[in-house]
Amino acid sequence: MAASKLQALWNHPAGPKTIHFWAPTFKWGISIANLADSVKPPEKVSYPQQIAVTATGVIWSRYSTVITPKNWNLFSVNIVMAGTGIYQLTRKIRHDYFNEEKQAVVAKE
């Protein structure tokens, strides 16, 4: 029974013999690296990089449900990419714009 399931996975249209399998696998690496960057100080976060990660996640999470066969691994990795990108952008924006206002108020007092 296990051999037949393994053979079914191997011969699946989105199985390991196709790019549909490997593309999400590499994107998981990008998502994990972006999550690991959460410990970096916000001033080291790049706007262009995070906008690219977020846009890729948002756009491809939509289109990964349109392609045939549906690739739920691709869908889930893109949701994670969008989420980590939004989180990093939020950190960067808070640091760059809202932290300065707080410092200015403290400096006036």
PDB file of N, CA and C in Angstrom:
ATOM      1  N   MET A   1       0.825  -1.198   0.000  1.00  0.00           N
ATOM      2  CA  MET A   1       0.000   0.000   0.000  1.00  0.00           C
ATOM      3  C   MET A   1       0.870   1.264   0.000  1.00  0.00           C
ATOM      4  N   ALA A   2       1.930   1.274   0.797  1.00  0.00           N
ATOM      5  CA  ALA A   2       2.808   2.436   0.849  1.00  0.00           C
ATOM      6  C   ALA A   2       3.513   2.631  -0.492  1.00  0.00           C
ATOM      7  N   ALA A   3       3.864   1.529  -1.134  1.00  0.00           N
ATOM      8  CA  ALA A   3       4.539   1.624  -2.435  1.00  0.00           C
ATOM      9  C   ALA A   3       3.618   2.240  -3.478  1.00  0.00           C
ATOM     10  N   SER A   4       2.335   1.893  -3.432  1.00  0.00           N
ATOM     11  CA  SER A   4       1.401   2.460  -4.408  1.00  0.00           C
ATOM     12  C   SER A   4       1.185   3.958  -4.160  1.00  0.00           C
ATOM     13  N   LYS A   5       1.185   4.372  -2.890  1.00  0.00           N
ATOM     14  CA  LYS A   5       1.053   5.801  -2.578  1.00  0.00           C
ATOM     15  C   LYS A   5       2.296   6.568  -3.023  1.00  0.00           C
ATOM     16  N   LEU A   6       3.456   5.955  -2.825  1.00  0.00           N
ATOM     17  CA  LEU A   6       4.695   6.591  -3.259  1.00  0.00           C
ATOM     18  C   LEU A   6       4.743   6.700  -4.780  1.00  0.00           C
ATOM     19  N   GLN A   7       4.288   5.667  -5.449  1.00  0.00           N
ATOM     20  CA  GLN A   7       4.255   5.697  -6.912  1.00  0.00           C
ATOM     21  C   GLN A   7       3.246   6.730  -7.407  1.00  0.00           C
ATOM     22  N   ALA A   8       2.111   6.844  -6.713  1.00  0.00           N
ATOM     23  CA  ALA A   8       1.106   7.845  -7.090  1.00  0.00           C
ATOM     24  C   ALA A   8       1.671   9.260  -6.921  1.00  0.00           C
ATOM     25  N   LEU A   9       2.414   9.492  -5.823  1.00  0.00           N
ATOM     26  CA  LEU A   9       3.046  10.796  -5.622  1.00  0.00           C
ATOM     27  C   LEU A   9       4.086  11.054  -6.715  1.00  0.00           C
ATOM     28  N   TRP A  10       4.895  10.054  -7.013  1.00  0.00           N
ATOM     29  CA  TRP A  10       5.955  10.201  -8.014  1.00  0.00           C
ATOM     30  C   TRP A  10       5.384  10.528  -9.394  1.00  0.00           C
ATOM     31  N   ASN A  11       4.253   9.929  -9.735  1.00  0.00           N
ATOM     32  CA  ASN A  11       3.668  10.116 -11.056  1.00  0.00           C
ATOM     33  C   ASN A  11       2.601  11.208 -11.099  1.00  0.00           C
ATOM     34  N   HIS A  12       2.366  11.880  -9.993  1.00  0.00           N
ATOM     35  CA  HIS A  12       1.356  12.943  -9.938  1.00  0.00           C
ATOM     36  C   HIS A  12       1.789  14.113 -10.827  1.00  0.00           C
ATOM     37  N   PRO A  13       0.823  14.810 -11.458  1.00  0.00           N
ATOM     38  CA  PRO A  13       1.169  15.956 -12.316  1.00  0.00           C
ATOM     39  C   PRO A  13       1.919  17.080 -11.584  1.00  0.00           C
ATOM     40  N   ALA A  14       1.814  17.139 -10.269  1.00  0.00           N
ATOM     41  CA  ALA A  14       2.560  18.138  -9.494  1.00  0.00           C
ATOM     42  C   ALA A  14       3.585  17.443  -8.597  1.00  0.00           C
ATOM     43  N   GLY A  15       4.052  16.270  -9.019  1.00  0.00           N
ATOM     44  CA  GLY A  15       5.000  15.481  -8.225  1.00  0.00           C
ATOM     45  C   GLY A  15       6.433  15.935  -8.385  1.00  0.00           C
ATOM     46  N   PRO A  16       7.358  15.183  -7.779  1.00  0.00           N
ATOM     47  CA  PRO A  16       8.765  15.580  -7.747  1.00  0.00           C
ATOM     48  C   PRO A  16       9.466  15.614  -9.107  1.00  0.00           C
ATOM     49  N   LYS A  17       8.849  15.090 -10.139  1.00  0.00           N
ATOM     50  CA  LYS A  17       9.462  15.124 -11.465  1.00  0.00           C
ATOM     51  C   LYS A  17       9.145  16.410 -12.221  1.00  0.00           C
ATOM     52  N   THR A  18       8.436  17.325 -11.599  1.00  0.00           N
ATOM     53  CA  THR A  18       8.013  18.549 -12.294  1.00  0.00           C
ATOM     54  C   THR A  18       8.454  19.791 -11.539  1.00  0.00           C
ATOM     55  N   ILE A  19       8.465  20.905 -12.225  1.00  0.00           N
ATOM     56  CA  ILE A  19       8.797  22.188 -11.605  1.00  0.00           C
ATOM     57  C   ILE A  19       7.707  22.601 -10.618  1.00  0.00           C
ATOM     58  N   HIS A  20       6.499  22.081 -10.807  1.00  0.00           N
ATOM     59  CA  HIS A  20       5.392  22.413  -9.899  1.00  0.00           C
ATOM     60  C   HIS A  20       5.687  21.943  -8.481  1.00  0.00           C
ATOM     61  N   PHE A  21       6.560  20.963  -8.348  1.00  0.00           N
ATOM     62  CA  PHE A  21       6.962  20.486  -7.030  1.00  0.00           C
ATOM     63  C   PHE A  21       8.120  21.311  -6.475  1.00  0.00           C
ATOM     64  N   TRP A  22       9.123  21.587  -7.300  1.00  0.00           N
ATOM     65  CA  TRP A  22      10.349  22.211  -6.819  1.00  0.00           C
ATOM     66  C   TRP A  22      10.235  23.718  -6.610  1.00  0.00           C
ATOM     67  N   ALA A  23       9.427  24.402  -7.393  1.00  0.00           N
ATOM     68  CA  ALA A  23       9.295  25.853  -7.220  1.00  0.00           C
ATOM     69  C   ALA A  23       8.806  26.212  -5.814  1.00  0.00           C
ATOM     70  N   PRO A  24       7.746  25.587  -5.313  1.00  0.00           N
ATOM     71  CA  PRO A  24       7.329  25.916  -3.944  1.00  0.00           C
ATOM     72  C   PRO A  24       8.372  25.514  -2.901  1.00  0.00           C
ATOM     73  N   THR A  25       9.124  24.469  -3.186  1.00  0.00           N
ATOM     74  CA  THR A  25      10.144  24.029  -2.234  1.00  0.00           C
ATOM     75  C   THR A  25      11.192  25.111  -2.040  1.00  0.00           C
ATOM     76  N   PHE A  26      11.645  25.728  -3.132  1.00  0.00           N
ATOM     77  CA  PHE A  26      12.616  26.812  -3.009  1.00  0.00           C
ATOM     78  C   PHE A  26      11.981  28.055  -2.391  1.00  0.00           C
ATOM     79  N   LYS A  27      10.706  28.282  -2.659  1.00  0.00           N
ATOM     80  CA  LYS A  27      10.035  29.447  -2.069  1.00  0.00           C
ATOM     81  C   LYS A  27       9.888  29.287  -0.556  1.00  0.00           C
ATOM     82  N   TRP A  28       9.768  28.037  -0.076  1.00  0.00           N
ATOM     83  CA  TRP A  28       9.738  27.819   1.373  1.00  0.00           C
ATOM     84  C   TRP A  28      11.050  28.297   1.988  1.00  0.00           C
ATOM     85  N   GLY A  29      12.149  28.083   1.295  1.00  0.00           N
ATOM     86  CA  GLY A  29      13.444  28.567   1.786  1.00  0.00           C
ATOM     87  C   GLY A  29      13.473  30.074   1.913  1.00  0.00           C
ATOM     88  N   ILE A  30      12.913  30.770   0.924  1.00  0.00           N
ATOM     89  CA  ILE A  30      12.848  32.235   0.975  1.00  0.00           C
ATOM     90  C   ILE A  30      11.971  32.684   2.146  1.00  0.00           C
ATOM     91  N   SER A  31      10.850  31.997   2.336  1.00  0.00           N
ATOM     92  CA  SER A  31       9.939  32.357   3.433  1.00  0.00           C
ATOM     93  C   SER A  31      10.594  32.142   4.794  1.00  0.00           C
ATOM     94  N   ILE A  32      11.307  31.030   4.937  1.00  0.00           N
ATOM     95  CA  ILE A  32      11.973  30.746   6.207  1.00  0.00           C
ATOM     96  C   ILE A  32      13.086  31.773   6.462  1.00  0.00           C
ATOM     97  N   ALA A  33      13.828  32.122   5.414  1.00  0.00           N
ATOM     98  CA  ALA A  33      14.878  33.141   5.563  1.00  0.00           C
ATOM     99  C   ALA A  33      14.279  34.490   5.940  1.00  0.00           C
ATOM    100  N   ASN A  34      13.144  34.819   5.345  1.00  0.00           N
ATOM    101  CA  ASN A  34      12.489  36.088   5.667  1.00  0.00           C
ATOM    102  C   ASN A  34      11.994  36.080   7.106  1.00  0.00           C
ATOM    103  N   LEU A  35      11.515  34.943   7.562  1.00  0.00           N
ATOM    104  CA  LEU A  35      11.082  34.820   8.954  1.00  0.00           C
ATOM    105  C   LEU A  35      12.280  34.919   9.893  1.00  0.00           C
ATOM    106  N   ALA A  36      13.406  34.336   9.505  1.00  0.00           N
ATOM    107  CA  ALA A  36      14.619  34.424  10.324  1.00  0.00           C
ATOM    108  C   ALA A  36      15.128  35.863  10.406  1.00  0.00           C
ATOM    109  N   ASP A  37      14.837  36.664   9.397  1.00  0.00           N
ATOM    110  CA  ASP A  37      15.246  38.076   9.408  1.00  0.00           C
ATOM    111  C   ASP A  37      14.456  38.903  10.419  1.00  0.00           C
ATOM    112  N   SER A  38      13.485  38.307  11.067  1.00  0.00           N
ATOM    113  CA  SER A  38      12.693  39.034  12.063  1.00  0.00           C
ATOM    114  C   SER A  38      13.541  39.461  13.251  1.00  0.00           C
ATOM    115  N   VAL A  39      14.665  38.801  13.452  1.00  0.00           N
ATOM    116  CA  VAL A  39      15.525  39.172  14.578  1.00  0.00           C
ATOM    117  C   VAL A  39      16.474  40.308  14.210  1.00  0.00           C
ATOM    118  N   LYS A  40      16.556  40.634  12.924  1.00  0.00           N
ATOM    119  CA  LYS A  40      17.381  41.766  12.490  1.00  0.00           C
ATOM    120  C   LYS A  40      16.760  43.068  12.960  1.00  0.00           C
ATOM    121  N   PRO A  41      17.572  44.071  13.206  1.00  0.00           N
ATOM    122  CA  PRO A  41      16.991  45.372  13.530  1.00  0.00           C
ATOM    123  C   PRO A  41      16.232  45.926  12.322  1.00  0.00           C
ATOM    124  N   PRO A  42      15.145  46.652  12.551  1.00  0.00           N
ATOM    125  CA  PRO A  42      14.326  47.154  11.439  1.00  0.00           C
ATOM    126  C   PRO A  42      15.086  48.013  10.444  1.00  0.00           C
ATOM    127  N   GLU A  43      16.132  48.703  10.887  1.00  0.00           N
ATOM    128  CA  GLU A  43      16.860  49.549   9.939  1.00  0.00           C
ATOM    129  C   GLU A  43      17.632  48.734   8.904  1.00  0.00           C
ATOM    130  N   LYS A  44      17.804  47.440   9.138  1.00  0.00           N
ATOM    131  CA  LYS A  44      18.490  46.575   8.169  1.00  0.00           C
ATOM    132  C   LYS A  44      17.522  45.910   7.189  1.00  0.00           C
ATOM    133  N   VAL A  45      16.225  46.128   7.372  1.00  0.00           N
ATOM    134  CA  VAL A  45      15.212  45.558   6.480  1.00  0.00           C
ATOM    135  C   VAL A  45      15.100  46.447   5.240  1.00  0.00           C
ATOM    136  N   SER A  46      15.004  45.812   4.074  1.00  0.00           N
ATOM    137  CA  SER A  46      14.963  46.534   2.808  1.00  0.00           C
ATOM    138  C   SER A  46      13.531  46.673   2.299  1.00  0.00           C
ATOM    139  N   TYR A  47      13.122  47.917   2.008  1.00  0.00           N
ATOM    140  CA  TYR A  47      11.792  48.122   1.427  1.00  0.00           C
ATOM    141  C   TYR A  47      11.621  47.385   0.101  1.00  0.00           C
ATOM    142  N   PRO A  48      12.528  47.544  -0.868  1.00  0.00           N
ATOM    143  CA  PRO A  48      12.319  46.868  -2.159  1.00  0.00           C
ATOM    144  C   PRO A  48      12.230  45.348  -2.028  1.00  0.00           C
ATOM    145  N   GLN A  49      13.069  44.762  -1.183  1.00  0.00           N
ATOM    146  CA  GLN A  49      13.039  43.314  -1.017  1.00  0.00           C
ATOM    147  C   GLN A  49      11.712  42.866  -0.415  1.00  0.00           C
ATOM    148  N   GLN A  50      11.256  43.557   0.614  1.00  0.00           N
ATOM    149  CA  GLN A  50      10.019  43.145   1.276  1.00  0.00           C
ATOM    150  C   GLN A  50       8.788  43.413   0.415  1.00  0.00           C
ATOM    151  N   ILE A  51       8.829  44.469  -0.380  1.00  0.00           N
ATOM    152  CA  ILE A  51       7.722  44.718  -1.310  1.00  0.00           C
ATOM    153  C   ILE A  51       7.675  43.611  -2.351  1.00  0.00           C
ATOM    154  N   ALA A  52       8.837  43.175  -2.829  1.00  0.00           N
ATOM    155  CA  ALA A  52       8.888  42.086  -3.810  1.00  0.00           C
ATOM    156  C   ALA A  52       8.375  40.780  -3.214  1.00  0.00           C
ATOM    157  N   VAL A  53       8.779  40.466  -1.997  1.00  0.00           N
ATOM    158  CA  VAL A  53       8.326  39.237  -1.337  1.00  0.00           C
ATOM    159  C   VAL A  53       6.814  39.290  -1.121  1.00  0.00           C
ATOM    160  N   THR A  54       6.323  40.423  -0.641  1.00  0.00           N
ATOM    161  CA  THR A  54       4.888  40.565  -0.390  1.00  0.00           C
ATOM    162  C   THR A  54       4.084  40.486  -1.684  1.00  0.00           C
ATOM    163  N   ALA A  55       4.515  41.195  -2.706  1.00  0.00           N
ATOM    164  CA  ALA A  55       3.792  41.185  -3.984  1.00  0.00           C
ATOM    165  C   ALA A  55       3.785  39.795  -4.607  1.00  0.00           C
ATOM    166  N   THR A  56       4.928  39.119  -4.560  1.00  0.00           N
ATOM    167  CA  THR A  56       4.995  37.755  -5.083  1.00  0.00           C
ATOM    168  C   THR A  56       4.010  36.858  -4.352  1.00  0.00           C
ATOM    169  N   GLY A  57       3.991  36.969  -3.030  1.00  0.00           N
ATOM    170  CA  GLY A  57       3.078  36.141  -2.243  1.00  0.00           C
ATOM    171  C   GLY A  57       1.621  36.419  -2.548  1.00  0.00           C
ATOM    172  N   VAL A  58       1.269  37.685  -2.630  1.00  0.00           N
ATOM    173  CA  VAL A  58      -0.136  38.048  -2.884  1.00  0.00           C
ATOM    174  C   VAL A  58      -0.572  37.626  -4.291  1.00  0.00           C
ATOM    175  N   ILE A  59       0.251  37.941  -5.276  1.00  0.00           N
ATOM    176  CA  ILE A  59      -0.115  37.635  -6.664  1.00  0.00           C
ATOM    177  C   ILE A  59      -0.207  36.129  -6.894  1.00  0.00           C
ATOM    178  N   TRP A  60       0.811  35.395  -6.480  1.00  0.00           N
ATOM    179  CA  TRP A  60       0.831  33.963  -6.783  1.00  0.00           C
ATOM    180  C   TRP A  60      -0.080  33.149  -5.891  1.00  0.00           C
ATOM    181  N   SER A  61      -0.472  33.657  -4.731  1.00  0.00           N
ATOM    182  CA  SER A  61      -1.456  32.912  -3.939  1.00  0.00           C
ATOM    183  C   SER A  61      -2.794  32.903  -4.669  1.00  0.00           C
ATOM    184  N   ARG A  62      -3.077  33.963  -5.394  1.00  0.00           N
ATOM    185  CA  ARG A  62      -4.302  33.999  -6.202  1.00  0.00           C
ATOM    186  C   ARG A  62      -4.201  33.055  -7.396  1.00  0.00           C
ATOM    187  N   TYR A  63      -3.109  33.158  -8.133  1.00  0.00           N
ATOM    188  CA  TYR A  63      -2.994  32.373  -9.364  1.00  0.00           C
ATOM    189  C   TYR A  63      -2.657  30.911  -9.127  1.00  0.00           C
ATOM    190  N   SER A  64      -2.180  30.555  -7.950  1.00  0.00           N
ATOM    191  CA  SER A  64      -1.896  29.147  -7.685  1.00  0.00           C
ATOM    192  C   SER A  64      -3.182  28.334  -7.542  1.00  0.00           C
ATOM    193  N   THR A  65      -4.309  29.010  -7.328  1.00  0.00           N
ATOM    194  CA  THR A  65      -5.584  28.285  -7.262  1.00  0.00           C
ATOM    195  C   THR A  65      -6.229  28.162  -8.640  1.00  0.00           C
ATOM    196  N   VAL A  66      -5.702  28.860  -9.637  1.00  0.00           N
ATOM    197  CA  VAL A  66      -6.274  28.846 -10.982  1.00  0.00           C
ATOM    198  C   VAL A  66      -5.632  27.772 -11.854  1.00  0.00           C
ATOM    199  N   ILE A  67      -4.337  27.493 -11.620  1.00  0.00           N
ATOM    200  CA  ILE A  67      -3.640  26.531 -12.460  1.00  0.00           C
ATOM    201  C   ILE A  67      -4.149  25.117 -12.223  1.00  0.00           C
ATOM    202  N   THR A  68      -3.982  24.275 -13.224  1.00  0.00           N
ATOM    203  CA  THR A  68      -4.390  22.876 -13.116  1.00  0.00           C
ATOM    204  C   THR A  68      -3.153  22.022 -13.260  1.00  0.00           C
ATOM    205  N   PRO A  69      -2.901  21.109 -12.382  1.00  0.00           N
ATOM    206  CA  PRO A  69      -3.657  20.763 -11.181  1.00  0.00           C
ATOM    207  C   PRO A  69      -3.425  21.789 -10.075  1.00  0.00           C
ATOM    208  N   LYS A  70      -4.402  21.914  -9.194  1.00  0.00           N
ATOM    209  CA  LYS A  70      -4.249  22.854  -8.084  1.00  0.00           C
ATOM    210  C   LYS A  70      -3.070  22.396  -7.230  1.00  0.00           C
ATOM    211  N   ASN A  71      -2.210  23.332  -6.918  1.00  0.00           N
ATOM    212  CA  ASN A  71      -1.005  23.027  -6.153  1.00  0.00           C
ATOM    213  C   ASN A  71      -1.125  23.734  -4.810  1.00  0.00           C
ATOM    214  N   TRP A  72      -1.604  23.013  -3.808  1.00  0.00           N
ATOM    215  CA  TRP A  72      -1.860  23.615  -2.506  1.00  0.00           C
ATOM    216  C   TRP A  72      -0.570  23.963  -1.778  1.00  0.00           C
ATOM    217  N   ASN A  73       0.512  23.269  -2.103  1.00  0.00           N
ATOM    218  CA  ASN A  73       1.808  23.627  -1.538  1.00  0.00           C
ATOM    219  C   ASN A  73       2.220  25.016  -2.035  1.00  0.00           C
ATOM    220  N   LEU A  74       2.031  25.275  -3.320  1.00  0.00           N
ATOM    221  CA  LEU A  74       2.337  26.585  -3.892  1.00  0.00           C
ATOM    222  C   LEU A  74       1.451  27.664  -3.269  1.00  0.00           C
ATOM    223  N   PHE A  75       0.188  27.349  -3.077  1.00  0.00           N
ATOM    224  CA  PHE A  75      -0.736  28.301  -2.453  1.00  0.00           C
ATOM    225  C   PHE A  75      -0.289  28.635  -1.030  1.00  0.00           C
ATOM    226  N   SER A  76       0.016  27.610  -0.244  1.00  0.00           N
ATOM    227  CA  SER A  76       0.362  27.859   1.160  1.00  0.00           C
ATOM    228  C   SER A  76       1.688  28.600   1.302  1.00  0.00           C
ATOM    229  N   VAL A  77       2.678  28.277   0.463  1.00  0.00           N
ATOM    230  CA  VAL A  77       3.954  28.995   0.573  1.00  0.00           C
ATOM    231  C   VAL A  77       3.783  30.455   0.187  1.00  0.00           C
ATOM    232  N   ASN A  78       2.907  30.750  -0.746  1.00  0.00           N
ATOM    233  CA  ASN A  78       2.683  32.142  -1.132  1.00  0.00           C
ATOM    234  C   ASN A  78       1.928  32.912  -0.059  1.00  0.00           C
ATOM    235  N   ILE A  79       1.030  32.257   0.639  1.00  0.00           N
ATOM    236  CA  ILE A  79       0.360  32.906   1.772  1.00  0.00           C
ATOM    237  C   ILE A  79       1.392  33.247   2.847  1.00  0.00           C
ATOM    238  N   VAL A  80       2.307  32.310   3.113  1.00  0.00           N
ATOM    239  CA  VAL A  80       3.357  32.560   4.110  1.00  0.00           C
ATOM    240  C   VAL A  80       4.290  33.674   3.634  1.00  0.00           C
ATOM    241  N   MET A  81       4.635  33.676   2.340  1.00  0.00           N
ATOM    242  CA  MET A  81       5.489  34.751   1.809  1.00  0.00           C
ATOM    243  C   MET A  81       4.820  36.108   1.987  1.00  0.00           C
ATOM    244  N   ALA A  82       3.556  36.192   1.637  1.00  0.00           N
ATOM    245  CA  ALA A  82       2.833  37.460   1.792  1.00  0.00           C
ATOM    246  C   ALA A  82       2.790  37.869   3.265  1.00  0.00           C
ATOM    247  N   GLY A  83       2.531  36.915   4.134  1.00  0.00           N
ATOM    248  CA  GLY A  83       2.458  37.217   5.565  1.00  0.00           C
ATOM    249  C   GLY A  83       3.769  37.704   6.146  1.00  0.00           C
ATOM    250  N   THR A  84       4.869  37.014   5.809  1.00  0.00           N
ATOM    251  CA  THR A  84       6.164  37.444   6.337  1.00  0.00           C
ATOM    252  C   THR A  84       6.590  38.783   5.741  1.00  0.00           C
ATOM    253  N   GLY A  85       6.260  39.003   4.469  1.00  0.00           N
ATOM    254  CA  GLY A  85       6.585  40.282   3.844  1.00  0.00           C
ATOM    255  C   GLY A  85       5.815  41.431   4.474  1.00  0.00           C
ATOM    256  N   ILE A  86       4.538  41.213   4.721  1.00  0.00           N
ATOM    257  CA  ILE A  86       3.714  42.250   5.366  1.00  0.00           C
ATOM    258  C   ILE A  86       4.231  42.522   6.773  1.00  0.00           C
ATOM    259  N   TYR A  87       4.582  41.464   7.482  1.00  0.00           N
ATOM    260  CA  TYR A  87       5.115  41.641   8.842  1.00  0.00           C
ATOM    261  C   TYR A  87       6.401  42.470   8.821  1.00  0.00           C
ATOM    262  N   GLN A  88       7.312  42.148   7.919  1.00  0.00           N
ATOM    263  CA  GLN A  88       8.577  42.884   7.843  1.00  0.00           C
ATOM    264  C   GLN A  88       8.351  44.339   7.418  1.00  0.00           C
ATOM    265  N   LEU A  89       7.452  44.558   6.447  1.00  0.00           N
ATOM    266  CA  LEU A  89       7.141  45.935   6.041  1.00  0.00           C
ATOM    267  C   LEU A  89       6.541  46.726   7.195  1.00  0.00           C
ATOM    268  N   THR A  90       5.678  46.086   7.972  1.00  0.00           N
ATOM    269  CA  THR A  90       5.068  46.746   9.123  1.00  0.00           C
ATOM    270  C   THR A  90       6.133  47.141  10.138  1.00  0.00           C
ATOM    271  N   ARG A  91       7.065  46.237  10.405  1.00  0.00           N
ATOM    272  CA  ARG A  91       8.163  46.558  11.321  1.00  0.00           C
ATOM    273  C   ARG A  91       8.963  47.756  10.826  1.00  0.00           C
ATOM    274  N   LYS A  92       9.283  47.735   9.535  1.00  0.00           N
ATOM    275  CA  LYS A  92      10.103  48.798   8.950  1.00  0.00           C
ATOM    276  C   LYS A  92       9.365  50.141   8.984  1.00  0.00           C
ATOM    277  N   ILE A  93       8.106  50.147   8.607  1.00  0.00           N
ATOM    278  CA  ILE A  93       7.317  51.392   8.591  1.00  0.00           C
ATOM    279  C   ILE A  93       7.159  51.945  10.003  1.00  0.00           C
ATOM    280  N   ARG A  94       6.850  51.060  10.962  1.00  0.00           N
ATOM    281  CA  ARG A  94       6.733  51.524  12.354  1.00  0.00           C
ATOM    282  C   ARG A  94       8.038  52.158  12.831  1.00  0.00           C
ATOM    283  N   HIS A  95       9.143  51.532  12.501  1.00  0.00           N
ATOM    284  CA  HIS A  95      10.438  52.054  12.939  1.00  0.00           C
ATOM    285  C   HIS A  95      10.765  53.383  12.264  1.00  0.00           C
ATOM    286  N   ASP A  96      10.530  53.460  10.942  1.00  0.00           N
ATOM    287  CA  ASP A  96      10.929  54.648  10.189  1.00  0.00           C
ATOM    288  C   ASP A  96      10.019  55.849  10.413  1.00  0.00           C
ATOM    289  N   TYR A  97       8.728  55.624  10.599  1.00  0.00           N
ATOM    290  CA  TYR A  97       7.799  56.758  10.638  1.00  0.00           C
ATOM    291  C   TYR A  97       7.180  56.999  12.002  1.00  0.00           C
ATOM    292  N   PHE A  98       6.812  55.962  12.713  1.00  0.00           N
ATOM    293  CA  PHE A  98       6.123  56.167  13.980  1.00  0.00           C
ATOM    294  C   PHE A  98       7.082  56.289  15.150  1.00  0.00           C
ATOM    295  N   ASN A  99       8.232  55.682  15.046  1.00  0.00           N
ATOM    296  CA  ASN A  99       9.231  55.774  16.101  1.00  0.00           C
ATOM    297  C   ASN A  99       9.808  57.180  16.178  1.00  0.00           C
ATOM    298  N   GLU A 100       9.965  57.867  15.043  1.00  0.00           N
ATOM    299  CA  GLU A 100      10.504  59.230  15.024  1.00  0.00           C
ATOM    300  C   GLU A 100       9.562  60.210  15.704  1.00  0.00           C
ATOM    301  N   GLU A 101       8.258  60.039  15.508  1.00  0.00           N
ATOM    302  CA  GLU A 101       7.288  60.921  16.160  1.00  0.00           C
ATOM    303  C   GLU A 101       7.376  60.777  17.669  1.00  0.00           C
ATOM    304  N   LYS A 102       7.521  59.539  18.129  1.00  0.00           N
ATOM    305  CA  LYS A 102       7.619  59.292  19.555  1.00  0.00           C
ATOM    306  C   LYS A 102       8.891  59.915  20.120  1.00  0.00           C
ATOM    307  N   GLN A 103       9.988  59.817  19.391  1.00  0.00           N
ATOM    308  CA  GLN A 103      11.241  60.402  19.824  1.00  0.00           C
ATOM    309  C   GLN A 103      11.164  61.926  19.826  1.00  0.00           C
ATOM    310  N   ALA A 104      10.461  62.513  18.869  1.00  0.00           N
ATOM    311  CA  ALA A 104      10.334  63.968  18.796  1.00  0.00           C
ATOM    312  C   ALA A 104       9.533  64.502  19.988  1.00  0.00           C
ATOM    313  N   VAL A 105       8.503  63.772  20.373  1.00  0.00           N
ATOM    314  CA  VAL A 105       7.686  64.187  21.522  1.00  0.00           C
ATOM    315  C   VAL A 105       8.518  64.116  22.803  1.00  0.00           C
ATOM    316  N   VAL A 106       9.293  63.063  22.939  1.00  0.00           N
ATOM    317  CA  VAL A 106      10.142  62.912  24.126  1.00  0.00           C
ATOM    318  C   VAL A 106      11.211  63.993  24.144  1.00  0.00           C
ATOM    319  N   ALA A 107      11.766  64.358  22.998  1.00  0.00           N
ATOM    320  CA  ALA A 107      12.818  65.385  22.911  1.00  0.00           C
ATOM    321  C   ALA A 107      12.283  66.759  23.294  1.00  0.00           C
ATOM    322  N   LYS A 108      11.012  67.042  22.983  1.00  0.00           N
ATOM    323  CA  LYS A 108      10.424  68.344  23.312  1.00  0.00           C
ATOM    324  C   LYS A 108      10.220  68.513  24.811  1.00  0.00           C
ATOM    325  N   GLU A 109       9.998  67.412  25.489  1.00  0.00           N
ATOM    326  CA  GLU A 109       9.716  67.500  26.931  1.00  0.00           C
ATOM    327  C   GLU A 109      10.920  67.716  27.706  1.00  0.00           C
TER     328      GLU A 109
END
